[in-house]
């Protein structure tokens, strides 16, 4: 069973035992269970049984565990003015959480 979930302004297609990297989830301990209730759609592997609802499926959820945290790839920005001999280089690394999907629950 596949599910399309909405988490922190992003959408992910997940199934059981997938590992996804998302923006950092608030102050929680590792190995905690996270229940995601914002399931946009659910469907089988062959795509014949599709469940859609607006805006979310009411009795559906995805259970995941937090397996760790890491920092993402570095994004650099450069601002430069040629004739004034001005330049500025800045870098940014986002904090991310690693989630493992344990179960996709769809009732009805």
N, C-alpha and C. Protein backbone atom coordinates (compact mmCIF):
# COMPACT_ATOMS: atom_id res chain seq x y z
N UNK A 1 0.85 -1.17 0.00
CA UNK A 1 0.00 0.00 0.00
C UNK A 1 0.90 1.24 0.00
N UNK A 2 0.68 2.10 -0.94
CA UNK A 2 1.39 3.37 -1.05
C UNK A 2 0.51 4.47 -0.48
N UNK A 3 1.13 5.52 0.04
CA UNK A 3 0.39 6.66 0.56
C UNK A 3 1.12 7.94 0.17
N UNK A 4 0.34 8.96 -0.11
CA UNK A 4 0.88 10.29 -0.36
C UNK A 4 0.60 11.10 0.89
N UNK A 5 1.65 11.54 1.58
CA UNK A 5 1.48 12.26 2.84
C UNK A 5 1.96 13.70 2.69
N UNK A 6 1.41 14.56 3.52
CA UNK A 6 1.85 15.95 3.58
C UNK A 6 2.51 16.15 4.94
N UNK A 7 3.75 16.59 4.92
CA UNK A 7 4.51 16.77 6.15
C UNK A 7 5.37 18.02 6.01
N UNK A 8 5.10 19.02 6.82
CA UNK A 8 5.88 20.25 6.84
C UNK A 8 5.94 20.92 5.46
N UNK A 9 4.81 21.13 4.85
CA UNK A 9 4.69 21.82 3.56
C UNK A 9 5.30 21.06 2.40
N UNK A 10 5.64 19.79 2.57
CA UNK A 10 6.16 18.96 1.49
C UNK A 10 5.28 17.73 1.36
N UNK A 11 5.28 17.11 0.20
CA UNK A 11 4.51 15.89 -0.03
C UNK A 11 5.46 14.77 -0.39
N UNK A 12 5.19 13.58 0.18
CA UNK A 12 6.05 12.42 -0.03
C UNK A 12 5.20 11.22 -0.41
N UNK A 13 5.68 10.38 -1.31
CA UNK A 13 5.06 9.10 -1.63
C UNK A 13 5.83 8.04 -0.86
N UNK A 14 5.12 7.32 0.03
CA UNK A 14 5.79 6.37 0.91
C UNK A 14 5.06 5.03 0.87
N UNK A 15 5.79 4.00 1.26
CA UNK A 15 5.21 2.69 1.50
C UNK A 15 5.91 2.11 2.72
N UNK A 16 5.48 0.94 3.16
CA UNK A 16 6.04 0.34 4.37
C UNK A 16 7.53 0.05 4.19
N UNK A 17 8.32 0.36 5.19
CA UNK A 17 9.77 0.16 5.27
C UNK A 17 10.58 1.12 4.41
N UNK A 18 9.98 2.20 3.91
CA UNK A 18 10.74 3.23 3.22
C UNK A 18 11.48 4.09 4.24
N UNK A 19 12.59 4.67 3.81
CA UNK A 19 13.33 5.63 4.63
C UNK A 19 13.32 6.96 3.88
N UNK A 20 12.85 8.00 4.55
CA UNK A 20 12.79 9.33 3.93
C UNK A 20 13.52 10.33 4.81
N UNK A 21 14.02 11.37 4.17
CA UNK A 21 14.70 12.45 4.87
C UNK A 21 13.82 13.69 4.77
N UNK A 22 13.44 14.24 5.94
CA UNK A 22 12.54 15.40 5.99
C UNK A 22 13.21 16.50 6.79
N UNK A 23 12.62 17.70 6.76
CA UNK A 23 13.10 18.77 7.60
C UNK A 23 12.99 18.34 9.06
N UNK A 24 13.81 18.92 9.91
CA UNK A 24 13.90 18.48 11.30
C UNK A 24 12.54 18.54 11.99
N UNK A 25 12.19 17.43 12.62
CA UNK A 25 10.97 17.36 13.41
C UNK A 25 11.33 17.79 14.82
N UNK A 26 10.46 18.54 15.46
CA UNK A 26 10.68 19.18 16.76
C UNK A 26 11.46 18.38 17.78
N UNK A 27 11.54 18.88 18.99
CA UNK A 27 12.37 18.24 20.02
C UNK A 27 11.75 16.93 20.49
N UNK A 28 12.18 15.82 19.91
CA UNK A 28 11.72 14.49 20.31
C UNK A 28 12.94 13.60 20.50
N UNK A 29 12.76 12.54 21.25
CA UNK A 29 13.83 11.56 21.42
C UNK A 29 13.89 10.65 20.21
N UNK A 30 15.06 10.12 19.94
CA UNK A 30 15.19 9.17 18.84
C UNK A 30 14.42 7.90 19.19
N UNK A 31 14.07 7.16 18.20
CA UNK A 31 13.30 5.92 18.30
C UNK A 31 11.86 6.17 18.77
N UNK A 32 11.42 7.40 18.71
CA UNK A 32 10.02 7.70 19.01
C UNK A 32 9.16 7.41 17.81
N UNK A 33 7.91 7.07 18.07
CA UNK A 33 6.96 6.88 16.98
C UNK A 33 6.32 8.21 16.64
N UNK A 34 6.19 8.46 15.36
CA UNK A 34 5.54 9.66 14.86
C UNK A 34 4.35 9.20 14.05
N UNK A 35 3.16 9.74 14.33
CA UNK A 35 1.97 9.40 13.57
C UNK A 35 1.62 10.58 12.68
N UNK A 36 1.54 10.33 11.38
CA UNK A 36 1.24 11.37 10.40
C UNK A 36 -0.19 11.15 9.93
N UNK A 37 -1.07 12.10 10.23
CA UNK A 37 -2.49 11.96 9.91
C UNK A 37 -2.89 12.63 8.61
N UNK A 38 -2.01 13.37 8.00
CA UNK A 38 -2.34 14.10 6.78
C UNK A 38 -2.01 13.25 5.56
N UNK A 39 -2.87 12.27 5.30
CA UNK A 39 -2.72 11.38 4.15
C UNK A 39 -3.60 11.92 3.03
N UNK A 40 -2.99 12.29 1.92
CA UNK A 40 -3.72 12.87 0.81
C UNK A 40 -4.35 11.82 -0.10
N UNK A 41 -3.66 10.70 -0.31
CA UNK A 41 -4.15 9.64 -1.18
C UNK A 41 -3.50 8.33 -0.76
N UNK A 42 -4.17 7.23 -1.12
CA UNK A 42 -3.63 5.90 -0.86
C UNK A 42 -3.99 5.01 -2.05
N UNK A 43 -3.06 4.11 -2.42
CA UNK A 43 -3.33 3.22 -3.55
C UNK A 43 -2.48 1.97 -3.42
N UNK A 44 -2.93 0.91 -4.13
CA UNK A 44 -2.22 -0.36 -4.14
C UNK A 44 -1.03 -0.28 -5.09
N UNK A 45 -0.22 -1.35 -5.08
CA UNK A 45 0.96 -1.38 -5.94
C UNK A 45 0.59 -1.41 -7.42
N UNK A 46 -0.53 -2.06 -7.77
CA UNK A 46 -0.94 -2.10 -9.17
C UNK A 46 -1.75 -0.88 -9.58
N UNK A 47 -2.16 -0.06 -8.63
CA UNK A 47 -2.83 1.20 -8.93
C UNK A 47 -4.32 1.07 -9.22
N UNK A 48 -4.92 -0.06 -8.87
CA UNK A 48 -6.34 -0.25 -9.16
C UNK A 48 -7.24 0.28 -8.05
N UNK A 49 -6.85 0.13 -6.81
CA UNK A 49 -7.64 0.63 -5.68
C UNK A 49 -7.05 1.96 -5.21
N UNK A 50 -7.66 3.05 -5.64
CA UNK A 50 -7.18 4.39 -5.29
C UNK A 50 -8.20 5.04 -4.38
N UNK A 51 -7.72 5.60 -3.26
CA UNK A 51 -8.58 6.31 -2.32
C UNK A 51 -8.13 7.76 -2.28
N UNK A 52 -9.03 8.66 -2.65
CA UNK A 52 -8.76 10.09 -2.61
C UNK A 52 -9.82 10.75 -1.73
N UNK A 53 -9.46 11.82 -1.08
CA UNK A 53 -10.41 12.57 -0.29
C UNK A 53 -9.94 14.00 -0.23
N UNK A 54 -10.86 14.91 0.02
CA UNK A 54 -10.49 16.32 0.08
C UNK A 54 -10.73 16.86 1.47
N UNK A 55 -9.83 17.46 2.13
CA UNK A 55 -8.43 17.58 1.76
C UNK A 55 -7.60 16.37 2.18
N UNK A 56 -8.07 15.58 3.19
CA UNK A 56 -7.31 14.44 3.66
C UNK A 56 -8.24 13.23 3.79
N UNK A 57 -7.65 12.04 3.86
CA UNK A 57 -8.42 10.83 4.17
C UNK A 57 -8.60 10.80 5.68
N UNK A 58 -9.84 10.72 6.15
CA UNK A 58 -10.12 10.89 7.58
C UNK A 58 -9.56 9.78 8.46
N UNK A 59 -9.72 8.53 8.05
CA UNK A 59 -9.31 7.41 8.92
C UNK A 59 -8.02 6.76 8.44
N UNK A 60 -7.11 7.54 7.92
CA UNK A 60 -5.84 7.01 7.45
C UNK A 60 -4.70 7.68 8.20
N UNK A 61 -3.64 6.91 8.41
CA UNK A 61 -2.46 7.46 9.07
C UNK A 61 -1.24 6.65 8.66
N UNK A 62 -0.09 7.25 8.88
CA UNK A 62 1.19 6.60 8.60
C UNK A 62 2.00 6.66 9.89
N UNK A 63 2.51 5.51 10.32
CA UNK A 63 3.30 5.42 11.54
C UNK A 63 4.77 5.32 11.14
N UNK A 64 5.61 6.18 11.72
CA UNK A 64 7.04 6.20 11.39
C UNK A 64 7.85 6.34 12.67
N UNK A 65 9.12 5.99 12.58
CA UNK A 65 10.03 6.19 13.70
C UNK A 65 11.16 7.11 13.25
N UNK A 66 11.68 7.87 14.20
CA UNK A 66 12.81 8.76 13.92
C UNK A 66 14.09 7.96 14.15
N UNK A 67 14.87 7.78 13.10
CA UNK A 67 16.09 6.99 13.19
C UNK A 67 17.34 7.82 13.41
N UNK A 68 17.24 9.12 13.29
CA UNK A 68 18.41 9.94 13.52
C UNK A 68 18.23 11.32 12.93
N UNK A 69 19.25 12.11 13.10
CA UNK A 69 19.26 13.46 12.55
C UNK A 69 20.58 13.67 11.83
N UNK A 70 20.56 14.53 10.83
CA UNK A 70 21.77 14.84 10.10
C UNK A 70 21.65 16.26 9.55
N UNK A 71 22.71 16.71 8.92
CA UNK A 71 22.68 18.01 8.25
C UNK A 71 22.71 17.76 6.76
N UNK A 72 21.96 18.54 6.04
CA UNK A 72 21.84 18.35 4.60
C UNK A 72 23.05 18.88 3.85
N UNK A 73 22.95 18.85 2.55
CA UNK A 73 24.02 19.35 1.69
C UNK A 73 24.15 20.86 1.85
N UNK A 74 25.36 21.35 1.64
CA UNK A 74 25.61 22.78 1.80
C UNK A 74 25.13 23.54 0.57
N UNK A 75 24.41 24.61 0.84
CA UNK A 75 23.95 25.51 -0.22
C UNK A 75 24.71 26.82 -0.04
N UNK A 76 25.42 27.25 -1.07
CA UNK A 76 26.20 28.48 -0.97
C UNK A 76 25.56 29.56 -1.82
N UNK A 77 25.62 30.78 -1.32
CA UNK A 77 25.15 31.94 -2.08
C UNK A 77 26.29 32.94 -2.17
N UNK A 78 26.40 33.58 -3.31
CA UNK A 78 27.44 34.58 -3.53
C UNK A 78 26.78 35.86 -4.01
N UNK A 79 27.11 36.96 -3.34
CA UNK A 79 26.62 38.27 -3.75
C UNK A 79 27.85 39.10 -4.08
N UNK A 80 27.82 39.76 -5.25
CA UNK A 80 29.03 40.44 -5.70
C UNK A 80 28.69 41.69 -6.50
N UNK A 81 29.47 42.75 -6.25
CA UNK A 81 29.40 43.96 -7.06
C UNK A 81 30.80 44.17 -7.64
N UNK A 82 30.91 44.13 -8.94
CA UNK A 82 32.21 44.05 -9.59
C UNK A 82 33.04 45.32 -9.39
N UNK A 83 32.51 46.46 -9.73
CA UNK A 83 33.32 47.68 -9.73
C UNK A 83 33.57 48.24 -8.34
N UNK A 84 32.83 47.79 -7.35
CA UNK A 84 33.02 48.28 -5.98
C UNK A 84 33.90 47.37 -5.15
N UNK A 85 34.39 46.30 -5.73
CA UNK A 85 35.21 45.31 -5.04
C UNK A 85 34.53 44.77 -3.78
N UNK A 86 33.25 44.48 -3.93
CA UNK A 86 32.44 43.97 -2.82
C UNK A 86 32.01 42.55 -3.16
N UNK A 87 32.19 41.63 -2.24
CA UNK A 87 31.66 40.29 -2.41
C UNK A 87 31.35 39.70 -1.04
N UNK A 88 30.36 38.82 -1.03
CA UNK A 88 29.96 38.14 0.20
C UNK A 88 29.57 36.71 -0.16
N UNK A 89 30.11 35.76 0.57
CA UNK A 89 29.81 34.35 0.34
C UNK A 89 29.26 33.77 1.64
N UNK A 90 28.11 33.16 1.55
CA UNK A 90 27.48 32.55 2.72
C UNK A 90 27.09 31.12 2.41
N UNK A 91 27.09 30.28 3.43
CA UNK A 91 26.69 28.89 3.28
C UNK A 91 25.59 28.54 4.27
N UNK A 92 24.83 27.51 3.94
CA UNK A 92 23.73 27.08 4.79
C UNK A 92 23.60 25.57 4.70
N UNK A 93 23.44 24.91 5.84
CA UNK A 93 23.18 23.48 5.90
C UNK A 93 21.91 23.27 6.72
N UNK A 94 20.92 22.64 6.14
CA UNK A 94 19.66 22.42 6.83
C UNK A 94 19.76 21.24 7.78
N UNK A 95 19.07 21.33 8.92
CA UNK A 95 18.97 20.21 9.85
C UNK A 95 17.83 19.31 9.37
N UNK A 96 18.08 18.00 9.32
CA UNK A 96 17.10 17.07 8.78
C UNK A 96 16.93 15.87 9.71
N UNK A 97 15.76 15.26 9.66
CA UNK A 97 15.46 14.04 10.40
C UNK A 97 15.30 12.89 9.41
N UNK A 98 15.71 11.71 9.84
CA UNK A 98 15.57 10.51 9.01
C UNK A 98 14.42 9.69 9.59
N UNK A 99 13.39 9.43 8.77
CA UNK A 99 12.22 8.68 9.20
C UNK A 99 12.17 7.34 8.48
N UNK A 100 11.78 6.29 9.22
CA UNK A 100 11.51 4.99 8.63
C UNK A 100 10.02 4.71 8.78
N UNK A 101 9.34 4.43 7.68
CA UNK A 101 7.91 4.18 7.70
C UNK A 101 7.67 2.76 8.20
N UNK A 102 6.93 2.63 9.30
CA UNK A 102 6.67 1.32 9.87
C UNK A 102 5.34 0.73 9.40
N UNK A 103 4.33 1.57 9.16
CA UNK A 103 3.03 1.03 8.76
C UNK A 103 2.20 2.12 8.08
N UNK A 104 1.41 1.70 7.09
CA UNK A 104 0.45 2.58 6.43
C UNK A 104 -0.93 2.01 6.75
N UNK A 105 -1.74 2.79 7.49
CA UNK A 105 -3.05 2.34 7.95
C UNK A 105 -4.13 3.13 7.21
N UNK A 106 -5.00 2.39 6.48
CA UNK A 106 -6.12 3.01 5.80
C UNK A 106 -7.37 2.23 6.18
N UNK A 107 -8.31 2.90 6.86
CA UNK A 107 -9.58 2.27 7.25
C UNK A 107 -10.70 2.88 6.42
N UNK A 108 -11.30 2.10 5.58
CA UNK A 108 -12.44 2.57 4.80
C UNK A 108 -11.99 3.13 3.54
